[in-house]
Amino acid sequence: MFTGKSIDVPILGLVENMSWFTPEELPDKKYYIFGKDGCKKIAEKFNVPVLGQIPIIQGIREGGDSGIPPVLENKVTGQNFRELAKNVIKRVEYRNKHIKPTRVVEITRK
């Protein structure tokens, strides 16, 4: 949709949500309950980077409920969100230097 001639909005990259499940008591374990590398394959197909992968971890939900974002915690989850933020910043900087500005899409009405 975004890369169509009439829209032409550059895609910064992809974020894979629920990439794997990690029990908090086993932070080094990854269970790929929805499959593995699906986002990577789509990114390769469309020639865009994977900006980050966010696992299913109970602490993410708990942080949302308590108002404490997981990015502020010094756990694996916080690291995932910080890495995602760094990658988004890099891609925005790249986009601003190397890709022409996005133009407003005009709708013609009959």
PDB file of N, CA and C in Angstrom:
ATOM      1  N   MET A   1       0.821  -1.195   0.000  1.00  0.00           N
ATOM      2  CA  MET A   1       0.000   0.000   0.000  1.00  0.00           C
ATOM      3  C   MET A   1       0.866   1.261   0.000  1.00  0.00           C
ATOM      4  N   PHE A   2       1.827   1.335   0.889  1.00  0.00           N
ATOM      5  CA  PHE A   2       2.595   2.562   1.045  1.00  0.00           C
ATOM      6  C   PHE A   2       3.523   2.835  -0.126  1.00  0.00           C
ATOM      7  N   THR A   3       3.938   1.815  -0.821  1.00  0.00           N
ATOM      8  CA  THR A   3       4.878   2.009  -1.919  1.00  0.00           C
ATOM      9  C   THR A   3       4.192   2.145  -3.274  1.00  0.00           C
ATOM     10  N   GLY A   4       2.867   2.154  -3.294  1.00  0.00           N
ATOM     11  CA  GLY A   4       2.145   2.346  -4.551  1.00  0.00           C
ATOM     12  C   GLY A   4       2.409   3.716  -5.136  1.00  0.00           C
ATOM     13  N   LYS A   5       2.225   3.856  -6.449  1.00  0.00           N
ATOM     14  CA  LYS A   5       2.539   5.121  -7.133  1.00  0.00           C
ATOM     15  C   LYS A   5       1.754   6.304  -6.572  1.00  0.00           C
ATOM     16  N   SER A   6       0.500   6.096  -6.200  1.00  0.00           N
ATOM     17  CA  SER A   6      -0.299   7.227  -5.738  1.00  0.00           C
ATOM     18  C   SER A   6      -0.036   7.585  -4.280  1.00  0.00           C
ATOM     19  N   ILE A   7       0.564   6.685  -3.502  1.00  0.00           N
ATOM     20  CA  ILE A   7       0.850   6.955  -2.087  1.00  0.00           C
ATOM     21  C   ILE A   7       2.329   7.277  -1.901  1.00  0.00           C
ATOM     22  N   ASP A   8       3.212   6.348  -2.260  1.00  0.00           N
ATOM     23  CA  ASP A   8       4.659   6.521  -2.235  1.00  0.00           C
ATOM     24  C   ASP A   8       5.188   7.072  -0.907  1.00  0.00           C
ATOM     25  N   VAL A   9       4.875   6.377   0.187  1.00  0.00           N
ATOM     26  CA  VAL A   9       5.398   6.738   1.507  1.00  0.00           C
ATOM     27  C   VAL A   9       6.483   5.725   1.850  1.00  0.00           C
ATOM     28  N   PRO A  10       7.712   6.181   2.101  1.00  0.00           N
ATOM     29  CA  PRO A  10       8.776   5.228   2.398  1.00  0.00           C
ATOM     30  C   PRO A  10       8.509   4.468   3.703  1.00  0.00           C
ATOM     31  N   ILE A  11       8.847   3.204   3.689  1.00  0.00           N
ATOM     32  CA  ILE A  11       8.704   2.372   4.878  1.00  0.00           C
ATOM     33  C   ILE A  11      10.052   2.360   5.590  1.00  0.00           C
ATOM     34  N   LEU A  12      10.056   2.760   6.848  1.00  0.00           N
ATOM     35  CA  LEU A  12      11.302   2.783   7.612  1.00  0.00           C
ATOM     36  C   LEU A  12      11.798   1.377   7.896  1.00  0.00           C
ATOM     37  N   GLY A  13      10.902   0.472   8.161  1.00  0.00           N
ATOM     38  CA  GLY A  13      11.257  -0.901   8.484  1.00  0.00           C
ATOM     39  C   GLY A  13      10.087  -1.581   9.155  1.00  0.00           C
ATOM     40  N   LEU A  14      10.326  -2.789   9.610  1.00  0.00           N
ATOM     41  CA  LEU A  14       9.282  -3.592  10.229  1.00  0.00           C
ATOM     42  C   LEU A  14       9.607  -3.864  11.690  1.00  0.00           C
ATOM     43  N   VAL A  15       8.560  -3.991  12.483  1.00  0.00           N
ATOM     44  CA  VAL A  15       8.690  -4.375  13.882  1.00  0.00           C
ATOM     45  C   VAL A  15       7.875  -5.650  14.061  1.00  0.00           C
ATOM     46  N   GLU A  16       8.516  -6.661  14.597  1.00  0.00           N
ATOM     47  CA  GLU A  16       7.819  -7.925  14.843  1.00  0.00           C
ATOM     48  C   GLU A  16       7.384  -7.976  16.300  1.00  0.00           C
ATOM     49  N   ASN A  17       6.076  -7.947  16.497  1.00  0.00           N
ATOM     50  CA  ASN A  17       5.503  -8.059  17.835  1.00  0.00           C
ATOM     51  C   ASN A  17       5.225  -9.535  18.109  1.00  0.00           C
ATOM     52  N   MET A  18       5.341  -9.936  19.346  1.00  0.00           N
ATOM     53  CA  MET A  18       5.116 -11.321  19.777  1.00  0.00           C
ATOM     54  C   MET A  18       6.048 -12.277  19.025  1.00  0.00           C
ATOM     55  N   SER A  19       7.303 -11.883  18.909  1.00  0.00           N
ATOM     56  CA  SER A  19       8.295 -12.657  18.167  1.00  0.00           C
ATOM     57  C   SER A  19       8.537 -14.027  18.780  1.00  0.00           C
ATOM     58  N   TRP A  20       8.539 -14.088  20.077  1.00  0.00           N
ATOM     59  CA  TRP A  20       8.715 -15.345  20.809  1.00  0.00           C
ATOM     60  C   TRP A  20       8.171 -15.147  22.204  1.00  0.00           C
ATOM     61  N   PHE A  21       8.021 -16.234  22.919  1.00  0.00           N
ATOM     62  CA  PHE A  21       7.596 -16.174  24.313  1.00  0.00           C
ATOM     63  C   PHE A  21       8.784 -16.500  25.193  1.00  0.00           C
ATOM     64  N   THR A  22       9.007 -15.674  26.207  1.00  0.00           N
ATOM     65  CA  THR A  22      10.061 -15.905  27.188  1.00  0.00           C
ATOM     66  C   THR A  22       9.457 -15.822  28.582  1.00  0.00           C
ATOM     67  N   PRO A  23       9.468 -16.933  29.328  1.00  0.00           N
ATOM     68  CA  PRO A  23       9.006 -16.845  30.718  1.00  0.00           C
ATOM     69  C   PRO A  23       9.986 -15.987  31.518  1.00  0.00           C
ATOM     70  N   GLU A  24       9.456 -15.164  32.400  1.00  0.00           N
ATOM     71  CA  GLU A  24      10.339 -14.270  33.169  1.00  0.00           C
ATOM     72  C   GLU A  24      11.358 -15.039  34.009  1.00  0.00           C
ATOM     73  N   GLU A  25      10.953 -16.228  34.478  1.00  0.00           N
ATOM     74  CA  GLU A  25      11.885 -17.005  35.308  1.00  0.00           C
ATOM     75  C   GLU A  25      12.955 -17.725  34.469  1.00  0.00           C
ATOM     76  N   LEU A  26      12.782 -17.721  33.133  1.00  0.00           N
ATOM     77  CA  LEU A  26      13.764 -18.323  32.216  1.00  0.00           C
ATOM     78  C   LEU A  26      14.116 -17.310  31.121  1.00  0.00           C
ATOM     79  N   PRO A  27      14.777 -16.205  31.470  1.00  0.00           N
ATOM     80  CA  PRO A  27      14.987 -15.116  30.510  1.00  0.00           C
ATOM     81  C   PRO A  27      15.843 -15.478  29.292  1.00  0.00           C
ATOM     82  N   ASP A  28      16.558 -16.582  29.354  1.00  0.00           N
ATOM     83  CA  ASP A  28      17.386 -16.984  28.215  1.00  0.00           C
ATOM     84  C   ASP A  28      16.660 -17.935  27.260  1.00  0.00           C
ATOM     85  N   LYS A  29      15.443 -18.326  27.602  1.00  0.00           N
ATOM     86  CA  LYS A  29      14.669 -19.251  26.767  1.00  0.00           C
ATOM     87  C   LYS A  29      13.795 -18.473  25.795  1.00  0.00           C
ATOM     88  N   LYS A  30      13.702 -18.981  24.570  1.00  0.00           N
ATOM     89  CA  LYS A  30      12.822 -18.397  23.559  1.00  0.00           C
ATOM     90  C   LYS A  30      11.974 -19.514  22.966  1.00  0.00           C
ATOM     91  N   TYR A  31      10.668 -19.349  23.058  1.00  0.00           N
ATOM     92  CA  TYR A  31       9.733 -20.298  22.469  1.00  0.00           C
ATOM     93  C   TYR A  31       9.016 -19.592  21.320  1.00  0.00           C
ATOM     94  N   TYR A  32       9.244 -20.047  20.111  1.00  0.00           N
ATOM     95  CA  TYR A  32       8.683 -19.417  18.917  1.00  0.00           C
ATOM     96  C   TYR A  32       7.298 -20.001  18.639  1.00  0.00           C
ATOM     97  N   ILE A  33       6.323 -19.580  19.417  1.00  0.00           N
ATOM     98  CA  ILE A  33       4.986 -20.172  19.327  1.00  0.00           C
ATOM     99  C   ILE A  33       4.224 -19.749  18.071  1.00  0.00           C
ATOM    100  N   PHE A  34       4.629 -18.678  17.427  1.00  0.00           N
ATOM    101  CA  PHE A  34       3.987 -18.241  16.187  1.00  0.00           C
ATOM    102  C   PHE A  34       4.901 -18.449  14.974  1.00  0.00           C
ATOM    103  N   GLY A  35       5.940 -19.231  15.137  1.00  0.00           N
ATOM    104  CA  GLY A  35       6.889 -19.446  14.053  1.00  0.00           C
ATOM    105  C   GLY A  35       8.103 -18.552  14.233  1.00  0.00           C
ATOM    106  N   LYS A  36       9.116 -18.830  13.438  1.00  0.00           N
ATOM    107  CA  LYS A  36      10.374 -18.099  13.566  1.00  0.00           C
ATOM    108  C   LYS A  36      10.741 -17.460  12.231  1.00  0.00           C
ATOM    109  N   ASP A  37      11.248 -16.248  12.293  1.00  0.00           N
ATOM    110  CA  ASP A  37      11.784 -15.511  11.138  1.00  0.00           C
ATOM    111  C   ASP A  37      10.739 -15.063  10.119  1.00  0.00           C
ATOM    112  N   GLY A  38       9.468 -15.020  10.496  1.00  0.00           N
ATOM    113  CA  GLY A  38       8.437 -14.536   9.568  1.00  0.00           C
ATOM    114  C   GLY A  38       8.652 -13.085   9.180  1.00  0.00           C
ATOM    115  N   CYS A  39       8.952 -12.246  10.151  1.00  0.00           N
ATOM    116  CA  CYS A  39       9.184 -10.825   9.868  1.00  0.00           C
ATOM    117  C   CYS A  39      10.440 -10.651   9.022  1.00  0.00           C
ATOM    118  N   LYS A  40      11.450 -11.428   9.319  1.00  0.00           N
ATOM    119  CA  LYS A  40      12.704 -11.363   8.561  1.00  0.00           C
ATOM    120  C   LYS A  40      12.465 -11.685   7.085  1.00  0.00           C
ATOM    121  N   LYS A  41      11.649 -12.696   6.829  1.00  0.00           N
ATOM    122  CA  LYS A  41      11.350 -13.087   5.446  1.00  0.00           C
ATOM    123  C   LYS A  41      10.587 -11.991   4.710  1.00  0.00           C
ATOM    124  N   ILE A  42       9.629 -11.369   5.387  1.00  0.00           N
ATOM    125  CA  ILE A  42       8.876 -10.267   4.764  1.00  0.00           C
ATOM    126  C   ILE A  42       9.794  -9.080   4.513  1.00  0.00           C
ATOM    127  N   ALA A  43      10.660  -8.775   5.472  1.00  0.00           N
ATOM    128  CA  ALA A  43      11.606  -7.665   5.313  1.00  0.00           C
ATOM    129  C   ALA A  43      12.516  -7.896   4.113  1.00  0.00           C
ATOM    130  N   GLU A  44      12.993  -9.110   3.954  1.00  0.00           N
ATOM    131  CA  GLU A  44      13.846  -9.431   2.804  1.00  0.00           C
ATOM    132  C   GLU A  44      13.069  -9.303   1.493  1.00  0.00           C
ATOM    133  N   LYS A  45      11.826  -9.774   1.502  1.00  0.00           N
ATOM    134  CA  LYS A  45      10.997  -9.713   0.292  1.00  0.00           C
ATOM    135  C   LYS A  45      10.791  -8.274  -0.169  1.00  0.00           C
ATOM    136  N   PHE A  46      10.578  -7.361   0.782  1.00  0.00           N
ATOM    137  CA  PHE A  46      10.306  -5.971   0.435  1.00  0.00           C
ATOM    138  C   PHE A  46      11.524  -5.057   0.589  1.00  0.00           C
ATOM    139  N   ASN A  47      12.680  -5.665   0.876  1.00  0.00           N
ATOM    140  CA  ASN A  47      13.935  -4.939   0.979  1.00  0.00           C
ATOM    141  C   ASN A  47      13.881  -3.789   1.995  1.00  0.00           C
ATOM    142  N   VAL A  48      13.388  -4.114   3.178  1.00  0.00           N
ATOM    143  CA  VAL A  48      13.360  -3.156   4.292  1.00  0.00           C
ATOM    144  C   VAL A  48      13.967  -3.849   5.519  1.00  0.00           C
ATOM    145  N   PRO A  49      14.517  -3.083   6.451  1.00  0.00           N
ATOM    146  CA  PRO A  49      15.126  -3.715   7.623  1.00  0.00           C
ATOM    147  C   PRO A  49      14.091  -4.113   8.678  1.00  0.00           C
ATOM    148  N   VAL A  50      14.485  -5.065   9.505  1.00  0.00           N
ATOM    149  CA  VAL A  50      13.723  -5.373  10.716  1.00  0.00           C
ATOM    150  C   VAL A  50      14.257  -4.425  11.782  1.00  0.00           C
ATOM    151  N   LEU A  51      13.398  -3.558  12.286  1.00  0.00           N
ATOM    152  CA  LEU A  51      13.821  -2.560  13.271  1.00  0.00           C
ATOM    153  C   LEU A  51      13.893  -3.128  14.683  1.00  0.00           C
ATOM    154  N   GLY A  52      13.093  -4.138  14.934  1.00  0.00           N
ATOM    155  CA  GLY A  52      13.115  -4.733  16.262  1.00  0.00           C
ATOM    156  C   GLY A  52      12.156  -5.889  16.373  1.00  0.00           C
ATOM    157  N   GLN A  53      12.390  -6.663  17.411  1.00  0.00           N
ATOM    158  CA  GLN A  53      11.526  -7.789  17.725  1.00  0.00           C
ATOM    159  C   GLN A  53      11.138  -7.667  19.194  1.00  0.00           C
ATOM    160  N   ILE A  54       9.846  -7.722  19.444  1.00  0.00           N
ATOM    161  CA  ILE A  54       9.343  -7.594  20.804  1.00  0.00           C
ATOM    162  C   ILE A  54       8.752  -8.933  21.223  1.00  0.00           C
ATOM    163  N   PRO A  55       9.294  -9.537  22.265  1.00  0.00           N
ATOM    164  CA  PRO A  55       8.787 -10.838  22.703  1.00  0.00           C
ATOM    165  C   PRO A  55       7.499 -10.711  23.516  1.00  0.00           C
ATOM    166  N   ILE A  56       6.856 -11.847  23.711  1.00  0.00           N
ATOM    167  CA  ILE A  56       5.725 -11.914  24.636  1.00  0.00           C
ATOM    168  C   ILE A  56       6.321 -12.183  26.010  1.00  0.00           C
ATOM    169  N   ILE A  57       6.196 -11.221  26.878  1.00  0.00           N
ATOM    170  CA  ILE A  57       6.687 -11.358  28.248  1.00  0.00           C
ATOM    171  C   ILE A  57       5.645 -10.721  29.157  1.00  0.00           C
ATOM    172  N   GLN A  58       5.323 -11.406  30.201  1.00  0.00           N
ATOM    173  CA  GLN A  58       4.295 -10.931  31.121  1.00  0.00           C
ATOM    174  C   GLN A  58       4.610  -9.534  31.637  1.00  0.00           C
ATOM    175  N   GLY A  59       5.880  -9.218  31.827  1.00  0.00           N
ATOM    176  CA  GLY A  59       6.276  -7.912  32.352  1.00  0.00           C
ATOM    177  C   GLY A  59       5.867  -6.751  31.456  1.00  0.00           C
ATOM    178  N   ILE A  60       5.727  -6.991  30.157  1.00  0.00           N
ATOM    179  CA  ILE A  60       5.286  -5.923  29.256  1.00  0.00           C
ATOM    180  C   ILE A  60       3.860  -5.515  29.618  1.00  0.00           C
ATOM    181  N   ARG A  61       2.984  -6.511  29.795  1.00  0.00           N
ATOM    182  CA  ARG A  61       1.604  -6.218  30.181  1.00  0.00           C
ATOM    183  C   ARG A  61       1.550  -5.585  31.559  1.00  0.00           C
ATOM    184  N   GLU A  62       2.321  -6.130  32.489  1.00  0.00           N
ATOM    185  CA  GLU A  62       2.324  -5.589  33.849  1.00  0.00           C
ATOM    186  C   GLU A  62       2.819  -4.148  33.870  1.00  0.00           C
ATOM    187  N   GLY A  63       3.837  -3.850  33.081  1.00  0.00           N
ATOM    188  CA  GLY A  63       4.344  -2.481  33.009  1.00  0.00           C
ATOM    189  C   GLY A  63       3.295  -1.528  32.457  1.00  0.00           C
ATOM    190  N   GLY A  64       2.543  -1.991  31.453  1.00  0.00           N
ATOM    191  CA  GLY A  64       1.463  -1.167  30.913  1.00  0.00           C
ATOM    192  C   GLY A  64       0.374  -0.923  31.940  1.00  0.00           C
ATOM    193  N   ASP A  65       0.032  -1.964  32.695  1.00  0.00           N
ATOM    194  CA  ASP A  65      -1.007  -1.832  33.716  1.00  0.00           C
ATOM    195  C   ASP A  65      -0.579  -0.916  34.851  1.00  0.00           C
ATOM    196  N   SER A  66       0.703  -0.965  35.215  1.00  0.00           N
ATOM    197  CA  SER A  66       1.181  -0.169  36.350  1.00  0.00           C
ATOM    198  C   SER A  66       1.650   1.226  35.934  1.00  0.00           C
ATOM    199  N   GLY A  67       1.755   1.456  34.626  1.00  0.00           N
ATOM    200  CA  GLY A  67       2.216   2.760  34.159  1.00  0.00           C
ATOM    201  C   GLY A  67       3.732   2.886  34.115  1.00  0.00           C
ATOM    202  N   ILE A  68       4.439   1.784  34.267  1.00  0.00           N
ATOM    203  CA  ILE A  68       5.898   1.794  34.204  1.00  0.00           C
ATOM    204  C   ILE A  68       6.309   1.086  32.908  1.00  0.00           C
ATOM    205  N   PRO A  69       6.689   1.837  31.895  1.00  0.00           N
ATOM    206  CA  PRO A  69       7.046   1.211  30.619  1.00  0.00           C
ATOM    207  C   PRO A  69       8.250   0.285  30.778  1.00  0.00           C
ATOM    208  N   PRO A  70       8.219  -0.863  30.111  1.00  0.00           N
ATOM    209  CA  PRO A  70       9.333  -1.804  30.236  1.00  0.00           C
ATOM    210  C   PRO A  70      10.670  -1.241  29.766  1.00  0.00           C
ATOM    211  N   VAL A  71      10.636  -0.227  28.908  1.00  0.00           N
ATOM    212  CA  VAL A  71      11.883   0.354  28.416  1.00  0.00           C
ATOM    213  C   VAL A  71      12.699   0.971  29.554  1.00  0.00           C
ATOM    214  N   LEU A  72      12.034   1.338  30.644  1.00  0.00           N
ATOM    215  CA  LEU A  72      12.738   1.946  31.773  1.00  0.00           C
ATOM    216  C   LEU A  72      13.406   0.920  32.681  1.00  0.00           C
ATOM    217  N   GLU A  73      13.031  -0.346  32.512  1.00  0.00           N
ATOM    218  CA  GLU A  73      13.602  -1.384  33.361  1.00  0.00           C
ATOM    219  C   GLU A  73      14.865  -1.955  32.726  1.00  0.00           C
ATOM    220  N   ASN A  74      15.771  -2.372  33.561  1.00  0.00           N
ATOM    221  CA  ASN A  74      17.026  -2.934  33.066  1.00  0.00           C
ATOM    222  C   ASN A  74      16.906  -4.450  32.934  1.00  0.00           C
ATOM    223  N   LYS A  75      15.945  -4.862  32.103  1.00  0.00           N
ATOM    224  CA  LYS A  75      15.725  -6.275  31.845  1.00  0.00           C
ATOM    225  C   LYS A  75      15.790  -6.478  30.338  1.00  0.00           C
ATOM    226  N   VAL A  76      15.678  -7.729  29.932  1.00  0.00           N
ATOM    227  CA  VAL A  76      15.722  -8.045  28.508  1.00  0.00           C
ATOM    228  C   VAL A  76      14.658  -7.265  27.741  1.00  0.00           C
ATOM    229  N   THR A  77      13.482  -7.155  28.320  1.00  0.00           N
ATOM    230  CA  THR A  77      12.396  -6.437  27.647  1.00  0.00           C
ATOM    231  C   THR A  77      12.766  -4.991  27.388  1.00  0.00           C
ATOM    232  N   GLY A  78      13.322  -4.334  28.366  1.00  0.00           N
ATOM    233  CA  GLY A  78      13.759  -2.949  28.188  1.00  0.00           C
ATOM    234  C   GLY A  78      14.803  -2.833  27.101  1.00  0.00           C
ATOM    235  N   GLN A  79      15.691  -3.810  27.036  1.00  0.00           N
ATOM    236  CA  GLN A  79      16.721  -3.814  25.996  1.00  0.00           C
ATOM    237  C   GLN A  79      16.096  -3.917  24.611  1.00  0.00           C
ATOM    238  N   ASN A  80      15.062  -4.756  24.470  1.00  0.00           N
ATOM    239  CA  ASN A  80      14.385  -4.889  23.177  1.00  0.00           C
ATOM    240  C   ASN A  80      13.785  -3.559  22.728  1.00  0.00           C
ATOM    241  N   PHE A  81      13.133  -2.856  23.645  1.00  0.00           N
ATOM    242  CA  PHE A  81      12.516  -1.576  23.298  1.00  0.00           C
ATOM    243  C   PHE A  81      13.562  -0.499  23.024  1.00  0.00           C
ATOM    244  N   ARG A  82      14.653  -0.490  23.782  1.00  0.00           N
ATOM    245  CA  ARG A  82      15.720   0.490  23.531  1.00  0.00           C
ATOM    246  C   ARG A  82      16.370   0.249  22.175  1.00  0.00           C
ATOM    247  N   GLU A  83      16.599  -1.011  21.829  1.00  0.00           N
ATOM    248  CA  GLU A  83      17.180  -1.348  20.528  1.00  0.00           C
ATOM    249  C   GLU A  83      16.241  -0.911  19.402  1.00  0.00           C
ATOM    250  N   LEU A  84      14.956  -1.143  19.576  1.00  0.00           N
ATOM    251  CA  LEU A  84      13.969  -0.703  18.589  1.00  0.00           C
ATOM    252  C   LEU A  84      14.033   0.810  18.413  1.00  0.00           C
ATOM    253  N   ALA A  85      14.066   1.547  19.519  1.00  0.00           N
ATOM    254  CA  ALA A  85      14.127   3.013  19.443  1.00  0.00           C
ATOM    255  C   ALA A  85      15.378   3.484  18.715  1.00  0.00           C
ATOM    256  N   LYS A  86      16.528   2.880  19.010  1.00  0.00           N
ATOM    257  CA  LYS A  86      17.774   3.251  18.324  1.00  0.00           C
ATOM    258  C   LYS A  86      17.662   3.016  16.824  1.00  0.00           C
ATOM    259  N   ASN A  87      17.090   1.875  16.456  1.00  0.00           N
ATOM    260  CA  ASN A  87      16.967   1.554  15.034  1.00  0.00           C
ATOM    261  C   ASN A  87      16.000   2.489  14.314  1.00  0.00           C
ATOM    262  N   VAL A  88      14.932   2.882  14.972  1.00  0.00           N
ATOM    263  CA  VAL A  88      13.992   3.836  14.369  1.00  0.00           C
ATOM    264  C   VAL A  88      14.688   5.177  14.150  1.00  0.00           C
ATOM    265  N   ILE A  89      15.440   5.624  15.135  1.00  0.00           N
ATOM    266  CA  ILE A  89      16.174   6.893  15.003  1.00  0.00           C
ATOM    267  C   ILE A  89      17.146   6.831  13.815  1.00  0.00           C
ATOM    268  N   LYS A  90      17.892   5.738  13.709  1.00  0.00           N
ATOM    269  CA  LYS A  90      18.840   5.587  12.595  1.00  0.00           C
ATOM    270  C   LYS A  90      18.126   5.628  11.247  1.00  0.00           C
ATOM    271  N   ARG A  91      16.981   4.950  11.161  1.00  0.00           N
ATOM    272  CA  ARG A  91      16.249   4.903   9.886  1.00  0.00           C
ATOM    273  C   ARG A  91      15.633   6.258   9.547  1.00  0.00           C
ATOM    274  N   VAL A  92      15.163   6.995  10.531  1.00  0.00           N
ATOM    275  CA  VAL A  92      14.624   8.334  10.274  1.00  0.00           C
ATOM    276  C   VAL A  92      15.746   9.242   9.786  1.00  0.00           C
ATOM    277  N   GLU A  93      16.908   9.153  10.414  1.00  0.00           N
ATOM    278  CA  GLU A  93      18.050   9.956   9.966  1.00  0.00           C
ATOM    279  C   GLU A  93      18.437   9.597   8.529  1.00  0.00           C
ATOM    280  N   TYR A  94      18.480   8.313   8.223  1.00  0.00           N
ATOM    281  CA  TYR A  94      18.792   7.865   6.865  1.00  0.00           C
ATOM    282  C   TYR A  94      17.743   8.379   5.886  1.00  0.00           C
ATOM    283  N   ARG A  95      16.491   8.228   6.258  1.00  0.00           N
ATOM    284  CA  ARG A  95      15.386   8.667   5.403  1.00  0.00           C
ATOM    285  C   ARG A  95      15.483  10.162   5.109  1.00  0.00           C
ATOM    286  N   ASN A  96      15.769  10.943   6.133  1.00  0.00           N
ATOM    287  CA  ASN A  96      15.850  12.390   5.950  1.00  0.00           C
ATOM    288  C   ASN A  96      17.014  12.813   5.059  1.00  0.00           C
ATOM    289  N   LYS A  97      18.091  12.036   5.050  1.00  0.00           N
ATOM    290  CA  LYS A  97      19.256  12.364   4.222  1.00  0.00           C
ATOM    291  C   LYS A  97      19.155  11.842   2.800  1.00  0.00           C
ATOM    292  N   HIS A  98      18.536  10.677   2.607  1.00  0.00           N
ATOM    293  CA  HIS A  98      18.635   9.986   1.329  1.00  0.00           C
ATOM    294  C   HIS A  98      17.325   9.798   0.565  1.00  0.00           C
ATOM    295  N   ILE A  99      16.216  10.118   1.159  1.00  0.00           N
ATOM    296  CA  ILE A  99      14.928   9.892   0.483  1.00  0.00           C
ATOM    297  C   ILE A  99      14.190  11.215   0.390  1.00  0.00           C
ATOM    298  N   LYS A 100      13.638  11.482  -0.778  1.00  0.00           N
ATOM    299  CA  LYS A 100      12.925  12.745  -0.977  1.00  0.00           C
ATOM    300  C   LYS A 100      11.742  12.849   0.000  1.00  0.00           C
ATOM    301  N   PRO A 101      11.365  14.054   0.361  1.00  0.00           N
ATOM    302  CA  PRO A 101      10.254  14.240   1.304  1.00  0.00           C
ATOM    303  C   PRO A 101       8.961  13.623   0.776  1.00  0.00           C
ATOM    304  N   THR A 102       8.172  13.137   1.695  1.00  0.00           N
ATOM    305  CA  THR A 102       6.875  12.576   1.333  1.00  0.00           C
ATOM    306  C   THR A 102       5.962  13.708   0.899  1.00  0.00           C
ATOM    307  N   ARG A 103       5.264  13.481  -0.192  1.00  0.00           N
ATOM    308  CA  ARG A 103       4.360  14.529  -0.668  1.00  0.00           C
ATOM    309  C   ARG A 103       2.938  14.222  -0.204  1.00  0.00           C
ATOM    310  N   VAL A 104       2.143  15.251  -0.132  1.00  0.00           N
ATOM    311  CA  VAL A 104       0.747  15.101   0.271  1.00  0.00           C
ATOM    312  C   VAL A 104      -0.017  14.393  -0.841  1.00  0.00           C
ATOM    313  N   VAL A 105      -0.792  13.414  -0.465  1.00  0.00           N
ATOM    314  CA  VAL A 105      -1.608  12.693  -1.436  1.00  0.00           C
ATOM    315  C   VAL A 105      -2.863  13.508  -1.698  1.00  0.00           C
ATOM    316  N   GLU A 106      -3.088  13.805  -2.953  1.00  0.00           N
ATOM    317  CA  GLU A 106      -4.271  14.584  -3.311  1.00  0.00           C
ATOM    318  C   GLU A 106      -5.349  13.650  -3.817  1.00  0.00           C
ATOM    319  N   ILE A 107      -6.535  13.854  -3.314  1.00  0.00           N
ATOM    320  CA  ILE A 107      -7.671  13.033  -3.716  1.00  0.00           C
ATOM    321  C   ILE A 107      -8.496  13.826  -4.718  1.00  0.00           C
ATOM    322  N   THR A 108      -8.730  13.234  -5.847  1.00  0.00           N
ATOM    323  CA  THR A 108      -9.590  13.892  -6.826  1.00  0.00           C
ATOM    324  C   THR A 108     -10.999  13.350  -6.674  1.00  0.00           C
ATOM    325  N   ARG A 109     -11.933  14.246  -6.568  1.00  0.00           N
ATOM    326  CA  ARG A 109     -13.335  13.850  -6.390  1.00  0.00           C
ATOM    327  C   ARG A 109     -14.102  14.158  -7.668  1.00  0.00           C
ATOM    328  N   LYS A 110     -14.989  13.279  -7.952  1.00  0.00           N
ATOM    329  CA  LYS A 110     -15.802  13.467  -9.156  1.00  0.00           C
ATOM    330  C   LYS A 110     -17.131  14.085  -8.834  1.00  0.00           C
TER     331      LYS A 110
END
